[in-house]
Amino acid sequence: VEGHQTRHDPHRGRHFKPQRLHADKAYDRADLRRRLHGKRIGVRIARKGIESSERLGRRRSVIERTMSWLSGYRRLSPRYERDHRNYLAFLGLAAALCCYKRLVRLTT
């Protein structure tokens, strides 16, 4: 949460902070909830022992599916590359291939 950058709108000259945080039960901590509430960020975190995290799955499934697609590329999984620039280049290439495969599947 601390490392999340705000978006900047160059046309209006303003910064935008996130409106809501969706997270699973691993982030169910009172101090995190208080800190986000203090920053006026809405929280949707499944509570341990009370709530099922399945309702959060509608939002999380897109990210988890994308991570699953990217993990299919062998070179990215164990991170063979030591140089971060090479790793990011391979990550971009894998993302482009995933998008291309998805586009082909949707158009045929």
PDB file of N, CA and C in Angstrom:
ATOM      1  N   VAL A   1       0.833  -1.185   0.000  1.00  0.00           N
ATOM      2  CA  VAL A   1       0.000   0.000   0.000  1.00  0.00           C
ATOM      3  C   VAL A   1       0.877   1.247   0.000  1.00  0.00           C
ATOM      4  N   GLU A   2       1.964   1.217   0.766  1.00  0.00           N
ATOM      5  CA  GLU A   2       2.832   2.386   0.829  1.00  0.00           C
ATOM      6  C   GLU A   2       3.505   2.660  -0.506  1.00  0.00           C
ATOM      7  N   GLY A   3       3.829   1.621  -1.259  1.00  0.00           N
ATOM      8  CA  GLY A   3       4.527   1.799  -2.518  1.00  0.00           C
ATOM      9  C   GLY A   3       3.630   2.166  -3.682  1.00  0.00           C
ATOM     10  N   HIS A   4       2.320   2.215  -3.454  1.00  0.00           N
ATOM     11  CA  HIS A   4       1.393   2.504  -4.542  1.00  0.00           C
ATOM     12  C   HIS A   4       1.454   3.986  -4.896  1.00  0.00           C
ATOM     13  N   GLN A   5       1.682   4.262  -6.160  1.00  0.00           N
ATOM     14  CA  GLN A   5       1.769   5.642  -6.620  1.00  0.00           C
ATOM     15  C   GLN A   5       0.382   6.163  -6.981  1.00  0.00           C
ATOM     16  N   THR A   6       0.180   7.442  -6.759  1.00  0.00           N
ATOM     17  CA  THR A   6      -1.060   8.066  -7.188  1.00  0.00           C
ATOM     18  C   THR A   6      -0.965   8.380  -8.672  1.00  0.00           C
ATOM     19  N   ARG A   7      -2.088   8.398  -9.324  1.00  0.00           N
ATOM     20  CA  ARG A   7      -2.106   8.742 -10.740  1.00  0.00           C
ATOM     21  C   ARG A   7      -2.107  10.256 -10.886  1.00  0.00           C
ATOM     22  N   HIS A   8      -1.473  10.741 -11.919  1.00  0.00           N
ATOM     23  CA  HIS A   8      -1.434  12.164 -12.198  1.00  0.00           C
ATOM     24  C   HIS A   8      -2.166  12.423 -13.503  1.00  0.00           C
ATOM     25  N   ASP A   9      -3.109  13.348 -13.471  1.00  0.00           N
ATOM     26  CA  ASP A   9      -3.832  13.736 -14.674  1.00  0.00           C
ATOM     27  C   ASP A   9      -3.174  14.995 -15.224  1.00  0.00           C
ATOM     28  N   PRO A  10      -2.428  14.892 -16.339  1.00  0.00           N
ATOM     29  CA  PRO A  10      -1.706  16.063 -16.834  1.00  0.00           C
ATOM     30  C   PRO A  10      -2.624  17.179 -17.330  1.00  0.00           C
ATOM     31  N   HIS A  11      -3.849  16.839 -17.739  1.00  0.00           N
ATOM     32  CA  HIS A  11      -4.759  17.865 -18.244  1.00  0.00           C
ATOM     33  C   HIS A  11      -5.332  18.720 -17.120  1.00  0.00           C
ATOM     34  N   ARG A  12      -5.593  18.101 -15.989  1.00  0.00           N
ATOM     35  CA  ARG A  12      -6.161  18.840 -14.850  1.00  0.00           C
ATOM     36  C   ARG A  12      -5.108  19.239 -13.827  1.00  0.00           C
ATOM     37  N   GLY A  13      -3.928  18.627 -13.926  1.00  0.00           N
ATOM     38  CA  GLY A  13      -2.862  18.958 -12.992  1.00  0.00           C
ATOM     39  C   GLY A  13      -3.107  18.445 -11.587  1.00  0.00           C
ATOM     40  N   ARG A  14      -3.873  17.361 -11.453  1.00  0.00           N
ATOM     41  CA  ARG A  14      -4.202  16.829 -10.131  1.00  0.00           C
ATOM     42  C   ARG A  14      -3.686  15.407  -9.990  1.00  0.00           C
ATOM     43  N   HIS A  15      -3.540  14.995  -8.751  1.00  0.00           N
ATOM     44  CA  HIS A  15      -3.176  13.617  -8.438  1.00  0.00           C
ATOM     45  C   HIS A  15      -4.415  12.912  -7.902  1.00  0.00           C
ATOM     46  N   PHE A  16      -4.559  11.646  -8.259  1.00  0.00           N
ATOM     47  CA  PHE A  16      -5.691  10.857  -7.802  1.00  0.00           C
ATOM     48  C   PHE A  16      -5.187   9.698  -6.962  1.00  0.00           C
ATOM     49  N   LYS A  17      -5.778   9.486  -5.815  1.00  0.00           N
ATOM     50  CA  LYS A  17      -5.412   8.350  -4.979  1.00  0.00           C
ATOM     51  C   LYS A  17      -6.410   7.221  -5.232  1.00  0.00           C
ATOM     52  N   PRO A  18      -6.058   5.993  -4.869  1.00  0.00           N
ATOM     53  CA  PRO A  18      -7.002   4.890  -5.063  1.00  0.00           C
ATOM     54  C   PRO A  18      -8.246   5.087  -4.199  1.00  0.00           C
ATOM     55  N   GLN A  19      -9.378   4.697  -4.715  1.00  0.00           N
ATOM     56  CA  GLN A  19     -10.639   4.848  -3.990  1.00  0.00           C
ATOM     57  C   GLN A  19     -10.931   3.672  -3.063  1.00  0.00           C
ATOM     58  N   ARG A  20     -10.536   2.459  -3.480  1.00  0.00           N
ATOM     59  CA  ARG A  20     -10.900   1.274  -2.714  1.00  0.00           C
ATOM     60  C   ARG A  20      -9.819   0.213  -2.871  1.00  0.00           C
ATOM     61  N   LEU A  21      -9.607  -0.550  -1.810  1.00  0.00           N
ATOM     62  CA  LEU A  21      -8.629  -1.637  -1.822  1.00  0.00           C
ATOM     63  C   LEU A  21      -9.373  -2.948  -1.628  1.00  0.00           C
ATOM     64  N   HIS A  22      -9.177  -3.882  -2.549  1.00  0.00           N
ATOM     65  CA  HIS A  22      -9.735  -5.221  -2.443  1.00  0.00           C
ATOM     66  C   HIS A  22      -8.592  -6.158  -2.094  1.00  0.00           C
ATOM     67  N   ALA A  23      -8.739  -6.935  -1.019  1.00  0.00           N
ATOM     68  CA  ALA A  23      -7.660  -7.830  -0.601  1.00  0.00           C
ATOM     69  C   ALA A  23      -8.243  -9.088   0.029  1.00  0.00           C
ATOM     70  N   ASP A  24      -7.396 -10.120   0.136  1.00  0.00           N
ATOM     71  CA  ASP A  24      -7.858 -11.365   0.736  1.00  0.00           C
ATOM     72  C   ASP A  24      -7.572 -11.363   2.247  1.00  0.00           C
ATOM     73  N   LYS A  25      -7.823 -12.508   2.870  1.00  0.00           N
ATOM     74  CA  LYS A  25      -7.749 -12.607   4.332  1.00  0.00           C
ATOM     75  C   LYS A  25      -6.345 -12.378   4.888  1.00  0.00           C
ATOM     76  N   ALA A  26      -5.327 -12.508   4.075  1.00  0.00           N
ATOM     77  CA  ALA A  26      -3.963 -12.306   4.555  1.00  0.00           C
ATOM     78  C   ALA A  26      -3.737 -10.864   4.994  1.00  0.00           C
ATOM     79  N   TYR A  27      -4.524  -9.941   4.490  1.00  0.00           N
ATOM     80  CA  TYR A  27      -4.376  -8.528   4.824  1.00  0.00           C
ATOM     81  C   TYR A  27      -5.367  -8.069   5.885  1.00  0.00           C
ATOM     82  N   ASP A  28      -6.025  -8.988   6.551  1.00  0.00           N
ATOM     83  CA  ASP A  28      -6.999  -8.635   7.581  1.00  0.00           C
ATOM     84  C   ASP A  28      -6.272  -8.298   8.884  1.00  0.00           C
ATOM     85  N   ARG A  29      -5.834  -7.050   8.987  1.00  0.00           N
ATOM     86  CA  ARG A  29      -5.152  -6.567  10.181  1.00  0.00           C
ATOM     87  C   ARG A  29      -5.756  -5.232  10.576  1.00  0.00           C
ATOM     88  N   ALA A  30      -5.937  -5.040  11.859  1.00  0.00           N
ATOM     89  CA  ALA A  30      -6.571  -3.812  12.349  1.00  0.00           C
ATOM     90  C   ALA A  30      -5.732  -2.579  12.026  1.00  0.00           C
ATOM     91  N   ASP A  31      -4.405  -2.685  12.145  1.00  0.00           N
ATOM     92  CA  ASP A  31      -3.571  -1.510  11.877  1.00  0.00           C
ATOM     93  C   ASP A  31      -3.640  -1.092  10.405  1.00  0.00           C
ATOM     94  N   LEU A  32      -3.730  -2.068   9.495  1.00  0.00           N
ATOM     95  CA  LEU A  32      -3.853  -1.751   8.079  1.00  0.00           C
ATOM     96  C   LEU A  32      -5.198  -1.093   7.794  1.00  0.00           C
ATOM     97  N   ARG A  33      -6.240  -1.623   8.393  1.00  0.00           N
ATOM     98  CA  ARG A  33      -7.569  -1.021   8.214  1.00  0.00           C
ATOM     99  C   ARG A  33      -7.595   0.418   8.718  1.00  0.00           C
ATOM    100  N   ARG A  34      -6.989   0.668   9.889  1.00  0.00           N
ATOM    101  CA  ARG A  34      -6.954   2.027  10.447  1.00  0.00           C
ATOM    102  C   ARG A  34      -6.168   2.979   9.549  1.00  0.00           C
ATOM    103  N   ARG A  35      -5.026   2.505   9.060  1.00  0.00           N
ATOM    104  CA  ARG A  35      -4.194   3.361   8.212  1.00  0.00           C
ATOM    105  C   ARG A  35      -4.918   3.729   6.916  1.00  0.00           C
ATOM    106  N   LEU A  36      -5.595   2.750   6.299  1.00  0.00           N
ATOM    107  CA  LEU A  36      -6.326   3.036   5.069  1.00  0.00           C
ATOM    108  C   LEU A  36      -7.516   3.944   5.330  1.00  0.00           C
ATOM    109  N   HIS A  37      -8.175   3.737   6.467  1.00  0.00           N
ATOM    110  CA  HIS A  37      -9.302   4.602   6.820  1.00  0.00           C
ATOM    111  C   HIS A  37      -8.817   6.037   7.025  1.00  0.00           C
ATOM    112  N   GLY A  38      -7.640   6.187   7.632  1.00  0.00           N
ATOM    113  CA  GLY A  38      -7.064   7.512   7.829  1.00  0.00           C
ATOM    114  C   GLY A  38      -6.717   8.201   6.519  1.00  0.00           C
ATOM    115  N   LYS A  39      -6.374   7.424   5.507  1.00  0.00           N
ATOM    116  CA  LYS A  39      -6.067   7.986   4.190  1.00  0.00           C
ATOM    117  C   LYS A  39      -7.310   8.109   3.322  1.00  0.00           C
ATOM    118  N   ARG A  40      -8.458   7.784   3.888  1.00  0.00           N
ATOM    119  CA  ARG A  40      -9.749   7.842   3.188  1.00  0.00           C
ATOM    120  C   ARG A  40      -9.785   6.930   1.964  1.00  0.00           C
ATOM    121  N   ILE A  41      -9.261   5.724   2.143  1.00  0.00           N
ATOM    122  CA  ILE A  41      -9.316   4.701   1.107  1.00  0.00           C
ATOM    123  C   ILE A  41     -10.277   3.620   1.582  1.00  0.00           C
ATOM    124  N   GLY A  42     -11.286   3.310   0.787  1.00  0.00           N
ATOM    125  CA  GLY A  42     -12.249   2.283   1.145  1.00  0.00           C
ATOM    126  C   GLY A  42     -11.595   0.915   1.205  1.00  0.00           C
ATOM    127  N   VAL A  43     -12.080   0.073   2.094  1.00  0.00           N
ATOM    128  CA  VAL A  43     -11.469  -1.238   2.303  1.00  0.00           C
ATOM    129  C   VAL A  43     -12.499  -2.324   2.058  1.00  0.00           C
ATOM    130  N   ARG A  44     -12.106  -3.330   1.297  1.00  0.00           N
ATOM    131  CA  ARG A  44     -12.921  -4.532   1.102  1.00  0.00           C
ATOM    132  C   ARG A  44     -11.999  -5.716   1.311  1.00  0.00           C
ATOM    133  N   ILE A  45     -11.842  -6.103   2.579  1.00  0.00           N
ATOM    134  CA  ILE A  45     -10.973  -7.206   2.962  1.00  0.00           C
ATOM    135  C   ILE A  45     -11.820  -8.259   3.653  1.00  0.00           C
ATOM    136  N   ALA A  46     -11.713  -9.500   3.215  1.00  0.00           N
ATOM    137  CA  ALA A  46     -12.441 -10.588   3.856  1.00  0.00           C
ATOM    138  C   ALA A  46     -11.898 -10.771   5.273  1.00  0.00           C
ATOM    139  N   ARG A  47     -12.784 -10.929   6.248  1.00  0.00           N
ATOM    140  CA  ARG A  47     -12.357 -11.079   7.638  1.00  0.00           C
ATOM    141  C   ARG A  47     -12.106 -12.548   7.957  1.00  0.00           C
ATOM    142  N   LYS A  48     -11.042 -12.793   8.691  1.00  0.00           N
ATOM    143  CA  LYS A  48     -10.658 -14.165   9.044  1.00  0.00           C
ATOM    144  C   LYS A  48     -11.724 -14.803   9.926  1.00  0.00           C
ATOM    145  N   GLY A  49     -12.118 -16.009   9.564  1.00  0.00           N
ATOM    146  CA  GLY A  49     -13.066 -16.767  10.365  1.00  0.00           C
ATOM    147  C   GLY A  49     -14.503 -16.315  10.261  1.00  0.00           C
ATOM    148  N   ILE A  50     -14.776 -15.238   9.567  1.00  0.00           N
ATOM    149  CA  ILE A  50     -16.142 -14.720   9.482  1.00  0.00           C
ATOM    150  C   ILE A  50     -16.667 -14.800   8.057  1.00  0.00           C
ATOM    151  N   GLU A  51     -15.885 -14.310   7.118  1.00  0.00           N
ATOM    152  CA  GLU A  51     -16.334 -14.146   5.752  1.00  0.00           C
ATOM    153  C   GLU A  51     -15.598 -15.070   4.797  1.00  0.00           C
ATOM    154  N   SER A  52     -16.273 -15.456   3.771  1.00  0.00           N
ATOM    155  CA  SER A  52     -15.615 -16.210   2.704  1.00  0.00           C
ATOM    156  C   SER A  52     -14.954 -15.217   1.754  1.00  0.00           C
ATOM    157  N   SER A  53     -13.803 -15.570   1.242  1.00  0.00           N
ATOM    158  CA  SER A  53     -13.118 -14.672   0.308  1.00  0.00           C
ATOM    159  C   SER A  53     -13.596 -14.905  -1.124  1.00  0.00           C
ATOM    160  N   GLU A  54     -14.620 -15.727  -1.322  1.00  0.00           N
ATOM    161  CA  GLU A  54     -15.118 -16.001  -2.664  1.00  0.00           C
ATOM    162  C   GLU A  54     -15.748 -14.768  -3.294  1.00  0.00           C
ATOM    163  N   ARG A  55     -16.352 -13.898  -2.495  1.00  0.00           N
ATOM    164  CA  ARG A  55     -16.965 -12.701  -3.054  1.00  0.00           C
ATOM    165  C   ARG A  55     -15.923 -11.766  -3.633  1.00  0.00           C
ATOM    166  N   LEU A  56     -14.708 -11.811  -3.098  1.00  0.00           N
ATOM    167  CA  LEU A  56     -13.635 -10.986  -3.639  1.00  0.00           C
ATOM    168  C   LEU A  56     -13.116 -11.545  -4.950  1.00  0.00           C
ATOM    169  N   GLY A  57     -13.419 -12.792  -5.243  1.00  0.00           N
ATOM    170  CA  GLY A  57     -12.898 -13.458  -6.416  1.00  0.00           C
ATOM    171  C   GLY A  57     -13.296 -12.824  -7.732  1.00  0.00           C
ATOM    172  N   ARG A  58     -14.407 -12.113  -7.742  1.00  0.00           N
ATOM    173  CA  ARG A  58     -14.827 -11.478  -8.987  1.00  0.00           C
ATOM    174  C   ARG A  58     -13.803 -10.457  -9.452  1.00  0.00           C
ATOM    175  N   ARG A  59     -13.211  -9.736  -8.533  1.00  0.00           N
ATOM    176  CA  ARG A  59     -12.196  -8.738  -8.894  1.00  0.00           C
ATOM    177  C   ARG A  59     -10.816  -9.368  -9.018  1.00  0.00           C
ATOM    178  N   ARG A  60     -10.493 -10.295  -8.139  1.00  0.00           N
ATOM    179  CA  ARG A  60      -9.159 -10.875  -8.105  1.00  0.00           C
ATOM    180  C   ARG A  60      -8.922 -11.863  -9.233  1.00  0.00           C
ATOM    181  N   SER A  61      -9.960 -12.451  -9.780  1.00  0.00           N
ATOM    182  CA  SER A  61      -9.761 -13.504 -10.775  1.00  0.00           C
ATOM    183  C   SER A  61      -9.044 -12.984 -12.015  1.00  0.00           C
ATOM    184  N   VAL A  62      -9.251 -11.731 -12.386  1.00  0.00           N
ATOM    185  CA  VAL A  62      -8.586 -11.166 -13.560  1.00  0.00           C
ATOM    186  C   VAL A  62      -7.084 -11.134 -13.332  1.00  0.00           C
ATOM    187  N   ILE A  63      -6.659 -10.682 -12.176  1.00  0.00           N
ATOM    188  CA  ILE A  63      -5.237 -10.597 -11.866  1.00  0.00           C
ATOM    189  C   ILE A  63      -4.633 -11.984 -11.735  1.00  0.00           C
ATOM    190  N   GLU A  64      -5.314 -12.863 -11.033  1.00  0.00           N
ATOM    191  CA  GLU A  64      -4.778 -14.210 -10.847  1.00  0.00           C
ATOM    192  C   GLU A  64      -4.695 -14.970 -12.168  1.00  0.00           C
ATOM    193  N   ARG A  65      -5.663 -14.757 -13.043  1.00  0.00           N
ATOM    194  CA  ARG A  65      -5.627 -15.412 -14.355  1.00  0.00           C
ATOM    195  C   ARG A  65      -4.444 -14.886 -15.159  1.00  0.00           C
ATOM    196  N   THR A  66      -4.216 -13.583 -15.127  1.00  0.00           N
ATOM    197  CA  THR A  66      -3.086 -12.998 -15.844  1.00  0.00           C
ATOM    198  C   THR A  66      -1.764 -13.513 -15.299  1.00  0.00           C
ATOM    199  N   MET A  67      -1.643 -13.611 -13.984  1.00  0.00           N
ATOM    200  CA  MET A  67      -0.418 -14.142 -13.387  1.00  0.00           C
ATOM    201  C   MET A  67      -0.225 -15.604 -13.783  1.00  0.00           C
ATOM    202  N   SER A  68      -1.305 -16.334 -13.902  1.00  0.00           N
ATOM    203  CA  SER A  68      -1.223 -17.727 -14.337  1.00  0.00           C
ATOM    204  C   SER A  68      -0.721 -17.821 -15.780  1.00  0.00           C
ATOM    205  N   TRP A  69      -1.240 -16.938 -16.647  1.00  0.00           N
ATOM    206  CA  TRP A  69      -0.768 -16.925 -18.025  1.00  0.00           C
ATOM    207  C   TRP A  69       0.715 -16.606 -18.083  1.00  0.00           C
ATOM    208  N   LEU A  70       1.153 -15.625 -17.304  1.00  0.00           N
ATOM    209  CA  LEU A  70       2.562 -15.226 -17.332  1.00  0.00           C
ATOM    210  C   LEU A  70       3.472 -16.294 -16.748  1.00  0.00           C
ATOM    211  N   SER A  71       2.975 -17.061 -15.781  1.00  0.00           N
ATOM    212  CA  SER A  71       3.809 -18.100 -15.184  1.00  0.00           C
ATOM    213  C   SER A  71       4.021 -19.270 -16.145  1.00  0.00           C
ATOM    214  N   GLY A  72       3.264 -19.311 -17.231  1.00  0.00           N
ATOM    215  CA  GLY A  72       3.449 -20.352 -18.236  1.00  0.00           C
ATOM    216  C   GLY A  72       4.728 -20.178 -19.039  1.00  0.00           C
ATOM    217  N   TYR A  73       5.339 -19.015 -18.950  1.00  0.00           N
ATOM    218  CA  TYR A  73       6.589 -18.774 -19.647  1.00  0.00           C
ATOM    219  C   TYR A  73       7.734 -19.135 -18.715  1.00  0.00           C
ATOM    220  N   ARG A  74       8.449 -20.181 -19.075  1.00  0.00           N
ATOM    221  CA  ARG A  74       9.439 -20.805 -18.207  1.00  0.00           C
ATOM    222  C   ARG A  74      10.514 -19.837 -17.727  1.00  0.00           C
ATOM    223  N   ARG A  75      10.917 -18.941 -18.581  1.00  0.00           N
ATOM    224  CA  ARG A  75      12.006 -18.045 -18.230  1.00  0.00           C
ATOM    225  C   ARG A  75      11.593 -17.045 -17.137  1.00  0.00           C
ATOM    226  N   LEU A  76      10.309 -16.774 -17.003  1.00  0.00           N
ATOM    227  CA  LEU A  76       9.841 -15.808 -16.006  1.00  0.00           C
ATOM    228  C   LEU A  76       9.613 -16.429 -14.633  1.00  0.00           C
ATOM    229  N   SER A  77       9.269 -17.708 -14.600  1.00  0.00           N
ATOM    230  CA  SER A  77       8.874 -18.314 -13.325  1.00  0.00           C
ATOM    231  C   SER A  77       9.965 -18.297 -12.257  1.00  0.00           C
ATOM    232  N   PRO A  78      11.155 -18.852 -12.504  1.00  0.00           N
ATOM    233  CA  PRO A  78      12.164 -18.813 -11.448  1.00  0.00           C
ATOM    234  C   PRO A  78      13.039 -17.563 -11.505  1.00  0.00           C
ATOM    235  N   ARG A  79      12.787 -16.694 -12.454  1.00  0.00           N
ATOM    236  CA  ARG A  79      13.564 -15.473 -12.689  1.00  0.00           C
ATOM    237  C   ARG A  79      15.031 -15.796 -12.915  1.00  0.00           C
ATOM    238  N   TYR A  80      15.311 -16.320 -14.083  1.00  0.00           N
ATOM    239  CA  TYR A  80      16.670 -16.643 -14.485  1.00  0.00           C
ATOM    240  C   TYR A  80      17.520 -15.380 -14.676  1.00  0.00           C
ATOM    241  N   GLU A  81      16.898 -14.319 -15.115  1.00  0.00           N
ATOM    242  CA  GLU A  81      17.635 -13.096 -15.426  1.00  0.00           C
ATOM    243  C   GLU A  81      18.040 -12.361 -14.156  1.00  0.00           C
ATOM    244  N   ARG A  82      19.294 -11.983 -14.082  1.00  0.00           N
ATOM    245  CA  ARG A  82      19.773 -11.219 -12.928  1.00  0.00           C
ATOM    246  C   ARG A  82      19.576  -9.726 -13.128  1.00  0.00           C
ATOM    247  N   ASP A  83      19.677  -9.286 -14.364  1.00  0.00           N
ATOM    248  CA  ASP A  83      19.508  -7.868 -14.655  1.00  0.00           C
ATOM    249  C   ASP A  83      18.024  -7.550 -14.744  1.00  0.00           C
ATOM    250  N   HIS A  84      17.577  -6.548 -13.988  1.00  0.00           N
ATOM    251  CA  HIS A  84      16.143  -6.243 -13.948  1.00  0.00           C
ATOM    252  C   HIS A  84      15.635  -5.739 -15.292  1.00  0.00           C
ATOM    253  N   ARG A  85      16.494  -5.122 -16.093  1.00  0.00           N
ATOM    254  CA  ARG A  85      16.045  -4.638 -17.411  1.00  0.00           C
ATOM    255  C   ARG A  85      15.723  -5.802 -18.342  1.00  0.00           C
ATOM    256  N   ASN A  86      16.524  -6.841 -18.294  1.00  0.00           N
ATOM    257  CA  ASN A  86      16.233  -8.024 -19.115  1.00  0.00           C
ATOM    258  C   ASN A  86      14.958  -8.705 -18.649  1.00  0.00           C
ATOM    259  N   TYR A  87      14.780  -8.803 -17.334  1.00  0.00           N
ATOM    260  CA  TYR A  87      13.573  -9.434 -16.796  1.00  0.00           C
ATOM    261  C   TYR A  87      12.330  -8.662 -17.235  1.00  0.00           C
ATOM    262  N   LEU A  88      12.381  -7.333 -17.133  1.00  0.00           N
ATOM    263  CA  LEU A  88      11.227  -6.522 -17.542  1.00  0.00           C
ATOM    264  C   LEU A  88      10.974  -6.633 -19.040  1.00  0.00           C
ATOM    265  N   ALA A  89      12.036  -6.776 -19.828  1.00  0.00           N
ATOM    266  CA  ALA A  89      11.856  -6.957 -21.274  1.00  0.00           C
ATOM    267  C   ALA A  89      11.152  -8.282 -21.564  1.00  0.00           C
ATOM    268  N   PHE A  90      11.582  -9.355 -20.885  1.00  0.00           N
ATOM    269  CA  PHE A  90      10.920 -10.651 -21.077  1.00  0.00           C
ATOM    270  C   PHE A  90       9.482 -10.619 -20.560  1.00  0.00           C
ATOM    271  N   LEU A  91       9.249  -9.898 -19.477  1.00  0.00           N
ATOM    272  CA  LEU A  91       7.895  -9.773 -18.947  1.00  0.00           C
ATOM    273  C   LEU A  91       6.990  -9.052 -19.938  1.00  0.00           C
ATOM    274  N   GLY A  92       7.491  -7.982 -20.550  1.00  0.00           N
ATOM    275  CA  GLY A  92       6.720  -7.266 -21.569  1.00  0.00           C
ATOM    276  C   GLY A  92       6.447  -8.132 -22.785  1.00  0.00           C
ATOM    277  N   LEU A  93       7.435  -8.912 -23.181  1.00  0.00           N
ATOM    278  CA  LEU A  93       7.256  -9.810 -24.318  1.00  0.00           C
ATOM    279  C   LEU A  93       6.211 -10.881 -24.005  1.00  0.00           C
ATOM    280  N   ALA A  94       6.268 -11.441 -22.804  1.00  0.00           N
ATOM    281  CA  ALA A  94       5.279 -12.450 -22.405  1.00  0.00           C
ATOM    282  C   ALA A  94       3.879 -11.850 -22.353  1.00  0.00           C
ATOM    283  N   ALA A  95       3.755 -10.635 -21.841  1.00  0.00           N
ATOM    284  CA  ALA A  95       2.442  -9.978 -21.786  1.00  0.00           C
ATOM    285  C   ALA A  95       1.910  -9.722 -23.192  1.00  0.00           C
ATOM    286  N   ALA A  96       2.790  -9.305 -24.100  1.00  0.00           N
ATOM    287  CA  ALA A  96       2.367  -9.076 -25.486  1.00  0.00           C
ATOM    288  C   ALA A  96       1.907 -10.382 -26.131  1.00  0.00           C
ATOM    289  N   LEU A  97       2.632 -11.473 -25.867  1.00  0.00           N
ATOM    290  CA  LEU A  97       2.224 -12.771 -26.419  1.00  0.00           C
ATOM    291  C   LEU A  97       0.891 -13.227 -25.840  1.00  0.00           C
ATOM    292  N   CYS A  98       0.678 -12.997 -24.551  1.00  0.00           N
ATOM    293  CA  CYS A  98      -0.607 -13.360 -23.929  1.00  0.00           C
ATOM    294  C   CYS A  98      -1.748 -12.579 -24.565  1.00  0.00           C
ATOM    295  N   CYS A  99      -1.539 -11.283 -24.778  1.00  0.00           N
ATOM    296  CA  CYS A  99      -2.573 -10.458 -25.403  1.00  0.00           C
ATOM    297  C   CYS A  99      -2.844 -10.908 -26.839  1.00  0.00           C
ATOM    298  N   TYR A 100      -1.774 -11.233 -27.570  1.00  0.00           N
ATOM    299  CA  TYR A 100      -1.930 -11.688 -28.942  1.00  0.00           C
ATOM    300  C   TYR A 100      -2.713 -12.995 -29.003  1.00  0.00           C
ATOM    301  N   LYS A 101      -2.370 -13.941 -28.135  1.00  0.00           N
ATOM    302  CA  LYS A 101      -3.079 -15.231 -28.112  1.00  0.00           C
ATOM    303  C   LYS A 101      -4.554 -15.028 -27.775  1.00  0.00           C
ATOM    304  N   ARG A 102      -4.825 -14.145 -26.834  1.00  0.00           N
ATOM    305  CA  ARG A 102      -6.215 -13.863 -26.446  1.00  0.00           C
ATOM    306  C   ARG A 102      -6.982 -13.214 -27.593  1.00  0.00           C
ATOM    307  N   LEU A 103      -6.327 -12.289 -28.295  1.00  0.00           N
ATOM    308  CA  LEU A 103      -6.952 -11.628 -29.430  1.00  0.00           C
ATOM    309  C   LEU A 103      -7.255 -12.621 -30.549  1.00  0.00           C
ATOM    310  N   VAL A 104      -6.325 -13.505 -30.830  1.00  0.00           N
ATOM    311  CA  VAL A 104      -6.547 -14.516 -31.868  1.00  0.00           C
ATOM    312  C   VAL A 104      -7.701 -15.421 -31.480  1.00  0.00           C
ATOM    313  N   ARG A 105      -7.761 -15.813 -30.217  1.00  0.00           N
ATOM    314  CA  ARG A 105      -8.828 -16.703 -29.771  1.00  0.00           C
ATOM    315  C   ARG A 105     -10.191 -16.004 -29.854  1.00  0.00           C
ATOM    316  N   LEU A 106     -10.243 -14.713 -29.584  1.00  0.00           N
ATOM    317  CA  LEU A 106     -11.517 -13.983 -29.638  1.00  0.00           C
ATOM    318  C   LEU A 106     -11.982 -13.700 -31.057  1.00  0.00           C
ATOM    319  N   THR A 107     -11.049 -13.575 -31.987  1.00  0.00           N
ATOM    320  CA  THR A 107     -11.429 -13.215 -33.353  1.00  0.00           C
ATOM    321  C   THR A 107     -11.647 -14.418 -34.267  1.00  0.00           C
ATOM    322  N   THR A 108     -11.268 -15.602 -33.827  1.00  0.00           N
ATOM    323  CA  THR A 108     -11.467 -16.768 -34.702  1.00  0.00           C
ATOM    324  C   THR A 108     -12.622 -17.608 -34.214  1.00  0.00           C
TER     325      THR A 108
END
